[in-house]
Amino acid sequence: MNFGFSYVGLIYLVMLTIPNLIWAGNKPKNYGRYAGRENRALLALERIGEVLVSAIALVFSDFNLRPWSAWCLWLVLSFVPMLLYEAFWVRYFRSERTMRDFYRDFAGIPVAGATLPVTGFFLLGIYGKNIPMLIATVILGIGHIGIHLAHAKEEKKSRRA
């Protein structure tokens, strides 16, 4: 692990942040009702994971480009879920922006808005051979994916009622 600025980490964080900033003004109808019932332990893990992943992505140069080798395929693989994440947001922003639109599977991936970036950062951690990133993404994934799985389950239940 090498300390230093990661421009690749910055790119990933920008890919994560821009759609979320737009989403803040375009949340699904009734989202606040779901958010008010989030599990506090999962919420704490999500927040801790967000801070750790963001910091680690920026302060380790392990994620930057290096001379091509087979290992670089991990970087390519990590970029795929990030591109799918952007496509997920395009679909969401073009929709009616309901909870169903937000939690509908994307490319066969459940809760894609949570799953795809966690997967992208985890694969980036493999590429960088960076144990702190791997641990941070597991923490983030437990919280973030856990919260959104609960929301998706609640959304399906409310449709049946």
Protein backbone atom coordinates (compact mmCIF):
# COMPACT_ATOMS: atom_id res chain seq x y z
CA MET A 1 0.00 0.00 0.00
CA ASN A 2 1.31 3.38 -1.03
CA PHE A 3 0.15 6.70 0.32
CA GLY A 4 -0.43 9.36 -2.29
CA PHE A 5 -3.26 10.97 -4.23
CA SER A 6 -5.36 8.66 -6.38
CA TYR A 7 -6.84 10.27 -9.46
CA VAL A 8 -8.64 6.99 -10.23
CA GLY A 9 -10.21 7.10 -6.77
CA LEU A 10 -11.28 10.68 -7.44
CA ILE A 11 -12.89 9.65 -10.75
CA TYR A 12 -14.84 6.89 -8.98
CA LEU A 13 -15.98 9.29 -6.27
CA VAL A 14 -17.13 11.82 -8.88
CA MET A 15 -19.05 9.05 -10.65
CA LEU A 16 -20.68 8.27 -7.32
CA THR A 17 -21.34 11.82 -6.15
CA ILE A 18 -22.79 13.59 -9.19
CA PRO A 19 -25.86 11.36 -9.59
CA ASN A 20 -26.42 11.41 -5.82
CA LEU A 21 -26.41 15.21 -5.80
CA ILE A 22 -28.98 15.21 -8.60
CA TRP A 23 -30.98 12.52 -6.75
CA ALA A 24 -31.16 14.70 -3.64
CA GLY A 25 -33.57 16.93 -5.54
CA ASN A 26 -35.32 14.05 -7.31
CA LYS A 27 -35.97 11.48 -4.60
CA PRO A 28 -38.69 8.92 -5.17
CA LYS A 29 -42.15 9.80 -3.97
CA ASN A 30 -42.56 8.74 -0.31
CA TYR A 31 -38.82 8.10 0.15
CA GLY A 32 -38.79 9.96 3.47
CA ARG A 33 -41.28 7.49 4.91
CA TYR A 34 -38.88 4.62 4.16
CA ALA A 35 -35.78 6.48 5.30
CA GLY A 36 -37.38 7.26 8.65
CA ARG A 37 -37.51 3.54 9.48
CA GLU A 38 -33.91 2.61 8.66
CA ASN A 39 -32.09 0.24 10.98
CA ARG A 40 -29.72 2.34 13.11
CA ALA A 41 -26.94 -0.28 13.11
CA LEU A 42 -27.04 -0.53 9.31
CA LEU A 43 -27.12 3.25 9.05
CA ALA A 44 -24.04 3.52 11.28
CA LEU A 45 -22.18 0.94 9.17
CA GLU A 46 -23.20 2.76 6.00
CA ARG A 47 -21.92 6.13 7.28
CA ILE A 48 -18.65 4.66 8.58
CA GLY A 49 -18.17 2.81 5.29
CA GLU A 50 -18.87 5.95 3.23
CA VAL A 51 -16.24 7.95 5.10
CA LEU A 52 -13.65 5.17 4.98
CA VAL A 53 -14.16 4.32 1.30
CA SER A 54 -14.04 7.99 0.30
CA ALA A 55 -10.86 8.68 2.26
CA ILE A 56 -9.11 5.49 1.20
CA ALA A 57 -10.01 6.04 -2.46
CA LEU A 58 -8.21 9.39 -2.36
CA VAL A 59 -5.16 8.79 -0.15
CA PHE A 60 -3.73 5.59 -1.63
CA SER A 61 -2.03 5.83 -5.01
CA ASP A 62 -2.44 2.04 -5.39
CA PHE A 63 -5.55 2.66 -7.48
CA ASN A 64 -3.83 4.73 -10.18
CA LEU A 65 -2.98 3.37 -13.61
CA ARG A 66 0.14 1.28 -13.93
CA PRO A 67 1.89 -0.44 -16.81
CA TRP A 68 -0.40 -2.96 -18.46
CA SER A 69 -0.43 -6.50 -17.08
CA ALA A 70 -3.07 -9.17 -16.57
CA TRP A 71 -3.64 -7.68 -13.10
CA CYS A 72 -4.99 -4.52 -14.77
CA LEU A 73 -8.06 -6.51 -15.72
CA TRP A 74 -9.19 -5.96 -12.12
CA LEU A 75 -9.29 -2.22 -12.83
CA VAL A 76 -11.29 -2.82 -16.00
CA LEU A 77 -13.64 -5.13 -14.07
CA SER A 78 -14.06 -2.51 -11.34
CA PHE A 79 -15.02 0.10 -13.91
CA VAL A 80 -17.84 -2.02 -15.37
CA PRO A 81 -20.13 -1.77 -12.32
CA MET A 82 -19.41 1.96 -12.13
CA LEU A 83 -20.55 2.38 -15.75
CA LEU A 84 -23.62 0.28 -15.02
CA TYR A 85 -24.23 2.51 -11.99
CA GLU A 86 -24.32 5.56 -14.26
CA ALA A 87 -26.75 3.75 -16.59
CA PHE A 88 -28.92 2.86 -13.57
CA TRP A 89 -29.21 6.55 -12.77
CA VAL A 90 -30.07 7.47 -16.35
CA ARG A 91 -32.94 4.97 -16.25
CA TYR A 92 -34.10 6.27 -12.87
CA PHE A 93 -34.00 9.96 -13.86
CA ARG A 94 -35.97 9.23 -17.04
CA SER A 95 -38.63 7.37 -15.04
CA GLU A 96 -41.52 8.72 -12.99
CA ARG A 97 -39.14 8.51 -9.98
CA THR A 98 -41.25 6.25 -7.80
CA MET A 99 -39.94 3.84 -5.17
CA ARG A 100 -40.65 1.03 -7.61
CA ASP A 101 -38.52 2.75 -10.26
CA PHE A 102 -35.72 3.21 -7.73
CA TYR A 103 -35.70 -0.40 -6.54
CA ARG A 104 -36.50 -2.22 -9.77
CA ASP A 105 -33.71 -4.61 -10.75
CA PHE A 106 -31.23 -3.21 -13.25
CA ALA A 107 -29.43 -5.59 -15.64
CA GLY A 108 -30.62 -8.42 -13.36
CA ILE A 109 -28.95 -6.82 -10.33
CA PRO A 110 -31.14 -6.27 -7.26
CA VAL A 111 -30.90 -2.87 -5.52
CA ALA A 112 -28.43 -1.86 -8.21
CA GLY A 113 -28.08 1.70 -6.89
CA ALA A 114 -26.47 0.26 -3.78
CA THR A 115 -24.90 -2.92 -5.10
CA LEU A 116 -23.06 -1.57 -8.15
CA PRO A 117 -20.88 1.11 -6.51
CA VAL A 118 -19.99 -1.18 -3.60
CA THR A 119 -18.95 -3.83 -6.11
CA GLY A 120 -16.96 -1.29 -8.12
CA PHE A 121 -15.02 -0.06 -5.10
CA PHE A 122 -14.44 -3.62 -3.85
CA LEU A 123 -12.95 -4.62 -7.21
CA LEU A 124 -10.90 -1.41 -7.16
CA GLY A 125 -9.56 -2.56 -3.79
CA ILE A 126 -8.53 -5.87 -5.35
CA TYR A 127 -6.81 -4.03 -8.21
CA GLY A 128 -4.92 -1.85 -5.74
CA LYS A 129 -4.16 -4.82 -3.45
CA ASN A 130 -5.46 -2.53 -0.74
CA ILE A 131 -6.77 -4.35 2.34
CA PRO A 132 -8.22 -1.19 3.98
CA MET A 133 -10.38 -0.58 0.89
CA LEU A 134 -11.61 -4.16 0.91
CA ILE A 135 -12.55 -3.92 4.59
CA ALA A 136 -14.16 -0.50 4.12
CA THR A 137 -16.28 -1.71 1.20
CA VAL A 138 -17.49 -4.70 3.21
CA ILE A 139 -18.54 -2.33 6.02
CA LEU A 140 -20.19 -0.02 3.49
CA GLY A 141 -21.85 -2.91 1.70
CA ILE A 142 -23.38 -4.38 4.85
CA GLY A 143 -24.90 -1.02 5.76
CA HIS A 144 -25.76 0.42 2.35
CA ILE A 145 -27.02 -2.72 0.65
CA GLY A 146 -28.76 -3.84 3.85
CA ILE A 147 -30.69 -0.57 4.11
CA HIS A 148 -31.73 -0.65 0.47
CA LEU A 149 -32.74 -4.31 0.57
CA ALA A 150 -35.05 -3.41 3.46
CA HIS A 151 -36.47 -0.47 1.48
CA ALA A 152 -37.01 -2.70 -1.59
CA LYS A 153 -38.74 -5.32 0.53
CA GLU A 154 -40.97 -2.68 2.09
CA GLU A 155 -41.77 -1.21 -1.34
CA LYS A 156 -42.84 -4.62 -2.67
CA LYS A 157 -44.95 -5.23 0.42
CA SER A 158 -46.70 -1.86 0.03
CA ARG A 159 -47.54 -2.67 -3.61
CA ARG A 160 -49.24 -5.90 -2.57
CA ALA A 161 -51.29 -4.23 0.15
